[in-house]
Amino acid sequence: MPSIFGYNAIKEDSMRANIIIHSISGNLYLIADTFRASLEERGIDARIYGVSDPDLHLAANEKTEAIEYYEEITALPEATPEKLLSADIIILGSPSRFGMPTAEMKAFLDSTWPLYLREALRGRKFYAFASTTVDENDGLRTVSGLYRWAEMMQLPPVPYEPYIHLENEMMPQRPSELIDSVAERLSEMVSLPDLGI
């Protein structure tokens, strides 16, 4: 049954997963939405937020694939540091720029400095994913930056390898059916009890 906020009714004592993304072409949005659906199937209250990107309309004007999910991406609630406080599980997704998260994702991470000083997120579970037009190593360098942020925030990683979506600059490709099995395995791993390791 939908709530007044548009999310499915989830048990009050369920875990909450906040998925924070910077999606330009729509691929990270599609991956995040697949993760959300899989997490909700396991009874986890999962929500997607987008980092601020005032120039997203420029990408939509330049790339036809960016137009396809433009409305869905711009309709996402904006990610803020406060959104992280309501989460038991924090999932970040960013495109790769020279083996690093985008400037927009970095600006969001920089805004969490006060949370770092208070150790306000300590103990929440963490997972990251990325997309790249270069190669898998480029994507892995990007998620390693996200995992470094998580380490500083004292967030234990979900014991599952980060997902890297490979795109082609000349012909961007959408996530394949493989993402369904990745989402299912991720949901299974975040549902495991915390062993205090």
C-alpha atoms as a PDB file:
ATOM      1  CA  MET A   1       0.000   0.000   0.000  1.00  0.00           C
ATOM      2  CA  PRO A   2       1.574   3.348  -0.996  1.00  0.00           C
ATOM      3  CA  SER A   3       2.304   5.888   1.707  1.00  0.00           C
ATOM      4  CA  ILE A   4       1.544   9.597   1.411  1.00  0.00           C
ATOM      5  CA  PHE A   5       5.166  10.070   0.345  1.00  0.00           C
ATOM      6  CA  GLY A   6       4.845   7.745  -2.652  1.00  0.00           C
ATOM      7  CA  TYR A   7       6.916   4.857  -1.305  1.00  0.00           C
ATOM      8  CA  ASN A   8       5.658   1.342  -0.672  1.00  0.00           C
ATOM      9  CA  ALA A   9       4.553   0.641   2.879  1.00  0.00           C
ATOM     10  CA  ILE A  10       7.401  -1.182   4.638  1.00  0.00           C
ATOM     11  CA  LYS A  11       7.440  -2.537   8.176  1.00  0.00           C
ATOM     12  CA  GLU A  12       8.498   0.114  10.692  1.00  0.00           C
ATOM     13  CA  ASP A  13      11.374  -1.998  12.006  1.00  0.00           C
ATOM     14  CA  SER A  14      12.800  -2.726   8.543  1.00  0.00           C
ATOM     15  CA  MET A  15      16.224  -1.604   7.407  1.00  0.00           C
ATOM     16  CA  ARG A  16      16.514   1.502   5.275  1.00  0.00           C
ATOM     17  CA  ALA A  17      18.787   1.731   2.214  1.00  0.00           C
ATOM     18  CA  ASN A  18      19.496   5.125   0.671  1.00  0.00           C
ATOM     19  CA  ILE A  19      20.939   4.945  -2.842  1.00  0.00           C
ATOM     20  CA  ILE A  20      22.740   8.154  -3.818  1.00  0.00           C
ATOM     21  CA  ILE A  21      23.571   8.514  -7.509  1.00  0.00           C
ATOM     22  CA  HIS A  22      24.865  10.899 -10.118  1.00  0.00           C
ATOM     23  CA  SER A  23      23.266   9.672 -13.321  1.00  0.00           C
ATOM     24  CA  ILE A  24      23.818  11.477 -16.601  1.00  0.00           C
ATOM     25  CA  SER A  25      22.903   9.047 -19.376  1.00  0.00           C
ATOM     26  CA  GLY A  26      20.382   7.090 -17.294  1.00  0.00           C
ATOM     27  CA  ASN A  27      22.451   3.932 -16.804  1.00  0.00           C
ATOM     28  CA  LEU A  28      23.201   4.544 -13.138  1.00  0.00           C
ATOM     29  CA  TYR A  29      19.543   5.430 -12.592  1.00  0.00           C
ATOM     30  CA  LEU A  30      18.498   2.093 -14.149  1.00  0.00           C
ATOM     31  CA  ILE A  31      21.011   0.191 -12.004  1.00  0.00           C
ATOM     32  CA  ALA A  32      19.903   2.030  -8.845  1.00  0.00           C
ATOM     33  CA  ASP A  33      16.251   1.328  -9.618  1.00  0.00           C
ATOM     34  CA  THR A  34      17.011  -2.377 -10.087  1.00  0.00           C
ATOM     35  CA  PHE A  35      18.860  -2.393  -6.751  1.00  0.00           C
ATOM     36  CA  ARG A  36      15.921  -0.574  -5.114  1.00  0.00           C
ATOM     37  CA  ALA A  37      13.373  -3.091  -6.377  1.00  0.00           C
ATOM     38  CA  SER A  38      15.487  -6.060  -5.271  1.00  0.00           C
ATOM     39  CA  LEU A  39      16.077  -4.587  -1.808  1.00  0.00           C
ATOM     40  CA  GLU A  40      12.359  -3.899  -1.394  1.00  0.00           C
ATOM     41  CA  GLU A  41      11.600  -7.530  -2.281  1.00  0.00           C
ATOM     42  CA  ARG A  42      13.609  -8.421   0.842  1.00  0.00           C
ATOM     43  CA  GLY A  43      11.605  -5.996   2.974  1.00  0.00           C
ATOM     44  CA  ILE A  44      14.227  -3.228   2.974  1.00  0.00           C
ATOM     45  CA  ASP A  45      12.915   0.329   2.633  1.00  0.00           C
ATOM     46  CA  ALA A  46      15.039   1.472  -0.333  1.00  0.00           C
ATOM     47  CA  ARG A  47      15.031   4.991  -1.776  1.00  0.00           C
ATOM     48  CA  ILE A  48      16.974   6.703  -4.556  1.00  0.00           C
ATOM     49  CA  TYR A  49      18.365  10.254  -4.338  1.00  0.00           C
ATOM     50  CA  GLY A  50      20.263  12.245  -6.945  1.00  0.00           C
ATOM     51  CA  VAL A  51      23.200  14.552  -6.273  1.00  0.00           C
ATOM     52  CA  SER A  52      22.804  18.123  -7.441  1.00  0.00           C
ATOM     53  CA  ASP A  53      23.729  18.614 -11.094  1.00  0.00           C
ATOM     54  CA  PRO A  54      22.649  22.026 -12.418  1.00  0.00           C
ATOM     55  CA  ASP A  55      24.202  21.226 -15.829  1.00  0.00           C
ATOM     56  CA  LEU A  56      22.338  17.963 -16.470  1.00  0.00           C
ATOM     57  CA  HIS A  57      20.167  19.658 -19.089  1.00  0.00           C
ATOM     58  CA  LEU A  58      23.296  20.346 -21.150  1.00  0.00           C
ATOM     59  CA  ALA A  59      24.065  16.619 -21.339  1.00  0.00           C
ATOM     60  CA  ALA A  60      20.458  15.940 -22.293  1.00  0.00           C
ATOM     61  CA  ASN A  61      20.784  18.404 -25.165  1.00  0.00           C
ATOM     62  CA  GLU A  62      24.055  16.852 -26.386  1.00  0.00           C
ATOM     63  CA  LYS A  63      23.401  13.106 -26.017  1.00  0.00           C
ATOM     64  CA  THR A  64      20.230  11.403 -27.137  1.00  0.00           C
ATOM     65  CA  GLU A  65      20.589   8.640 -24.538  1.00  0.00           C
ATOM     66  CA  ALA A  66      20.630  11.272 -21.774  1.00  0.00           C
ATOM     67  CA  ILE A  67      17.159  12.479 -22.811  1.00  0.00           C
ATOM     68  CA  GLU A  68      15.551   9.052 -22.372  1.00  0.00           C
ATOM     69  CA  TYR A  69      15.611   9.124 -18.539  1.00  0.00           C
ATOM     70  CA  TYR A  70      16.068  12.861 -18.002  1.00  0.00           C
ATOM     71  CA  GLU A  71      12.638  13.363 -16.389  1.00  0.00           C
ATOM     72  CA  GLU A  72      13.073  10.421 -14.024  1.00  0.00           C
ATOM     73  CA  ILE A  73      16.528  11.599 -12.966  1.00  0.00           C
ATOM     74  CA  THR A  74      15.501  15.224 -12.403  1.00  0.00           C
ATOM     75  CA  ALA A  75      12.441  14.056 -10.417  1.00  0.00           C
ATOM     76  CA  LEU A  76      14.624  12.265  -7.859  1.00  0.00           C
ATOM     77  CA  PRO A  77      14.749  13.893  -4.415  1.00  0.00           C
ATOM     78  CA  GLU A  78      18.047  15.713  -3.947  1.00  0.00           C
ATOM     79  CA  ALA A  79      20.726  13.956  -1.933  1.00  0.00           C
ATOM     80  CA  THR A  80      21.773  15.816   1.212  1.00  0.00           C
ATOM     81  CA  PRO A  81      23.997  14.753   4.109  1.00  0.00           C
ATOM     82  CA  GLU A  82      20.861  14.505   6.282  1.00  0.00           C
ATOM     83  CA  LYS A  83      19.489  11.799   3.967  1.00  0.00           C
ATOM     84  CA  LEU A  84      22.410   9.593   5.001  1.00  0.00           C
ATOM     85  CA  LEU A  85      21.410   9.779   8.667  1.00  0.00           C
ATOM     86  CA  SER A  86      18.168   7.895   8.030  1.00  0.00           C
ATOM     87  CA  ALA A  87      19.963   4.984   6.330  1.00  0.00           C
ATOM     88  CA  ASP A  88      21.165   1.650   7.670  1.00  0.00           C
ATOM     89  CA  ILE A  89      22.699   0.934   4.265  1.00  0.00           C
ATOM     90  CA  ILE A  90      24.353   3.596   2.080  1.00  0.00           C
ATOM     91  CA  ILE A  91      24.876   2.845  -1.610  1.00  0.00           C
ATOM     92  CA  LEU A  92      26.706   5.281  -3.895  1.00  0.00           C
ATOM     93  CA  GLY A  93      26.829   5.235  -7.704  1.00  0.00           C
ATOM     94  CA  SER A  94      28.905   7.558  -9.889  1.00  0.00           C
ATOM     95  CA  PRO A  95      30.166   7.778 -13.446  1.00  0.00           C
ATOM     96  CA  SER A  96      33.943   7.693 -13.768  1.00  0.00           C
ATOM     97  CA  ARG A  97      35.854  10.807 -14.725  1.00  0.00           C
ATOM     98  CA  PHE A  98      39.559  10.038 -15.172  1.00  0.00           C
ATOM     99  CA  GLY A  99      39.249   7.180 -12.664  1.00  0.00           C
ATOM    100  CA  MET A 100      37.522   9.352 -10.067  1.00  0.00           C
ATOM    101  CA  PRO A 101      33.915  10.079  -9.071  1.00  0.00           C
ATOM    102  CA  THR A 102      32.376  13.037 -10.910  1.00  0.00           C
ATOM    103  CA  ALA A 103      32.732  16.560  -9.533  1.00  0.00           C
ATOM    104  CA  GLU A 104      29.023  16.480  -8.607  1.00  0.00           C
ATOM    105  CA  MET A 105      29.435  13.306  -6.534  1.00  0.00           C
ATOM    106  CA  LYS A 106      32.628  14.690  -4.995  1.00  0.00           C
ATOM    107  CA  ALA A 107      30.778  17.896  -4.021  1.00  0.00           C
ATOM    108  CA  PHE A 108      28.145  15.778  -2.292  1.00  0.00           C
ATOM    109  CA  LEU A 109      30.798  13.764  -0.433  1.00  0.00           C
ATOM    110  CA  ASP A 110      32.571  16.989   0.580  1.00  0.00           C
ATOM    111  CA  SER A 111      29.299  18.238   2.082  1.00  0.00           C
ATOM    112  CA  THR A 112      29.346  15.301   4.535  1.00  0.00           C
ATOM    113  CA  TRP A 113      32.415  16.645   6.399  1.00  0.00           C
ATOM    114  CA  PRO A 114      30.363  17.626   9.503  1.00  0.00           C
ATOM    115  CA  LEU A 115      29.050  14.039   9.673  1.00  0.00           C
ATOM    116  CA  TYR A 116      32.636  12.779   9.562  1.00  0.00           C
ATOM    117  CA  LEU A 117      33.654  15.063  12.453  1.00  0.00           C
ATOM    118  CA  ARG A 118      30.778  13.693  14.587  1.00  0.00           C
ATOM    119  CA  GLU A 119      31.248  10.069  13.431  1.00  0.00           C
ATOM    120  CA  ALA A 120      27.527  10.291  12.729  1.00  0.00           C
ATOM    121  CA  LEU A 121      27.396   7.500  10.132  1.00  0.00           C
ATOM    122  CA  ARG A 122      29.618   5.000  11.919  1.00  0.00           C
ATOM    123  CA  GLY A 123      28.552   1.374  11.524  1.00  0.00           C
ATOM    124  CA  ARG A 124      26.170   1.719   8.580  1.00  0.00           C
ATOM    125  CA  LYS A 125      26.710  -0.768   5.736  1.00  0.00           C
ATOM    126  CA  PHE A 126      28.208   0.499   2.473  1.00  0.00           C
ATOM    127  CA  TYR A 127      28.278  -0.489  -1.192  1.00  0.00           C
ATOM    128  CA  ALA A 128      29.342   1.355  -4.363  1.00  0.00           C
ATOM    129  CA  PHE A 129      28.997   0.990  -8.121  1.00  0.00           C
ATOM    130  CA  ALA A 130      30.162   2.960 -11.155  1.00  0.00           C
ATOM    131  CA  SER A 131      29.918   3.333 -14.904  1.00  0.00           C
ATOM    132  CA  THR A 132      32.803   3.998 -17.254  1.00  0.00           C
ATOM    133  CA  THR A 133      33.474   4.459 -20.962  1.00  0.00           C
ATOM    134  CA  VAL A 134      37.143   3.463 -20.567  1.00  0.00           C
ATOM    135  CA  ASP A 135      37.628   0.016 -19.004  1.00  0.00           C
ATOM    136  CA  GLU A 136      36.936  -1.937 -15.839  1.00  0.00           C
ATOM    137  CA  ASN A 137      40.093  -0.676 -14.112  1.00  0.00           C
ATOM    138  CA  ASP A 138      38.922   2.908 -14.627  1.00  0.00           C
ATOM    139  CA  GLY A 139      35.600   2.039 -12.955  1.00  0.00           C
ATOM    140  CA  LEU A 140      37.377   0.240 -10.110  1.00  0.00           C
ATOM    141  CA  ARG A 141      39.501   3.331  -9.458  1.00  0.00           C
ATOM    142  CA  THR A 142      36.282   5.351  -9.208  1.00  0.00           C
ATOM    143  CA  VAL A 143      34.647   3.007  -6.702  1.00  0.00           C
ATOM    144  CA  SER A 144      37.897   2.828  -4.721  1.00  0.00           C
ATOM    145  CA  GLY A 145      37.487   6.587  -4.130  1.00  0.00           C
ATOM    146  CA  LEU A 146      33.951   5.982  -2.890  1.00  0.00           C
ATOM    147  CA  TYR A 147      35.143   3.162  -0.625  1.00  0.00           C
ATOM    148  CA  ARG A 148      37.880   5.442   0.740  1.00  0.00           C
ATOM    149  CA  TRP A 149      35.156   7.935   1.745  1.00  0.00           C
ATOM    150  CA  ALA A 150      33.243   5.059   3.393  1.00  0.00           C
ATOM    151  CA  GLU A 151      36.363   3.969   5.273  1.00  0.00           C
ATOM    152  CA  MET A 152      36.819   7.498   6.618  1.00  0.00           C
ATOM    153  CA  MET A 153      33.164   7.489   7.689  1.00  0.00           C
ATOM    154  CA  GLN A 154      33.698   4.085   9.382  1.00  0.00           C
ATOM    155  CA  LEU A 155      31.140   2.316   7.203  1.00  0.00           C
ATOM    156  CA  PRO A 156      31.760  -1.435   6.901  1.00  0.00           C
ATOM    157  CA  PRO A 157      31.559  -2.599   3.277  1.00  0.00           C
ATOM    158  CA  VAL A 158      28.917  -5.067   2.146  1.00  0.00           C
ATOM    159  CA  PRO A 159      30.936  -8.225   1.357  1.00  0.00           C
ATOM    160  CA  TYR A 160      30.202  -8.164  -2.358  1.00  0.00           C
ATOM    161  CA  GLU A 161      32.349  -6.872  -5.218  1.00  0.00           C
ATOM    162  CA  PRO A 162      31.435  -3.452  -6.641  1.00  0.00           C
ATOM    163  CA  TYR A 163      29.500  -3.463  -9.894  1.00  0.00           C
ATOM    164  CA  ILE A 164      31.147  -1.674 -12.836  1.00  0.00           C
ATOM    165  CA  HIS A 165      28.982  -0.889 -15.866  1.00  0.00           C
ATOM    166  CA  LEU A 166      31.033  -0.638 -19.044  1.00  0.00           C
ATOM    167  CA  GLU A 167      29.726   1.792 -21.656  1.00  0.00           C
ATOM    168  CA  ASN A 168      30.944   2.695 -25.114  1.00  0.00           C
ATOM    169  CA  GLU A 169      31.343   6.403 -25.848  1.00  0.00           C
ATOM    170  CA  MET A 170      30.279   5.904 -29.462  1.00  0.00           C
ATOM    171  CA  MET A 171      27.293   3.698 -28.660  1.00  0.00           C
ATOM    172  CA  PRO A 172      26.263   3.788 -24.982  1.00  0.00           C
ATOM    173  CA  GLN A 173      24.695   0.547 -23.866  1.00  0.00           C
ATOM    174  CA  ARG A 174      22.060   0.006 -21.232  1.00  0.00           C
ATOM    175  CA  PRO A 175      22.601  -2.400 -18.332  1.00  0.00           C
ATOM    176  CA  SER A 176      21.899  -6.011 -19.347  1.00  0.00           C
ATOM    177  CA  GLU A 177      19.931  -8.724 -17.555  1.00  0.00           C
ATOM    178  CA  LEU A 178      23.141  -9.365 -15.591  1.00  0.00           C
ATOM    179  CA  ILE A 179      22.188  -6.464 -13.333  1.00  0.00           C
ATOM    180  CA  ASP A 180      19.210  -8.470 -12.025  1.00  0.00           C
ATOM    181  CA  SER A 181      21.499 -11.182 -10.641  1.00  0.00           C
ATOM    182  CA  VAL A 182      23.888  -8.541  -9.249  1.00  0.00           C
ATOM    183  CA  ALA A 183      20.954  -6.809  -7.509  1.00  0.00           C
ATOM    184  CA  GLU A 184      19.672 -10.103  -6.106  1.00  0.00           C
ATOM    185  CA  ARG A 185      23.088 -11.037  -4.710  1.00  0.00           C
ATOM    186  CA  LEU A 186      23.621  -7.541  -3.285  1.00  0.00           C
ATOM    187  CA  SER A 187      20.221  -7.674  -1.554  1.00  0.00           C
ATOM    188  CA  GLU A 188      21.107 -11.068  -0.112  1.00  0.00           C
ATOM    189  CA  MET A 189      24.447  -9.801   1.214  1.00  0.00           C
ATOM    190  CA  VAL A 190      23.051  -6.628   2.835  1.00  0.00           C
ATOM    191  CA  SER A 191      20.381  -8.747   4.533  1.00  0.00           C
ATOM    192  CA  LEU A 192      22.999 -10.819   6.358  1.00  0.00           C
ATOM    193  CA  PRO A 193      23.262 -10.025  10.064  1.00  0.00           C
ATOM    194  CA  ASP A 194      26.119  -7.789  11.140  1.00  0.00           C
ATOM    195  CA  LEU A 195      28.785 -10.059  12.588  1.00  0.00           C
ATOM    196  CA  GLY A 196      30.633  -7.143  14.191  1.00  0.00           C
ATOM    197  CA  ILE A 197      33.751  -7.800  12.121  1.00  0.00           C
END
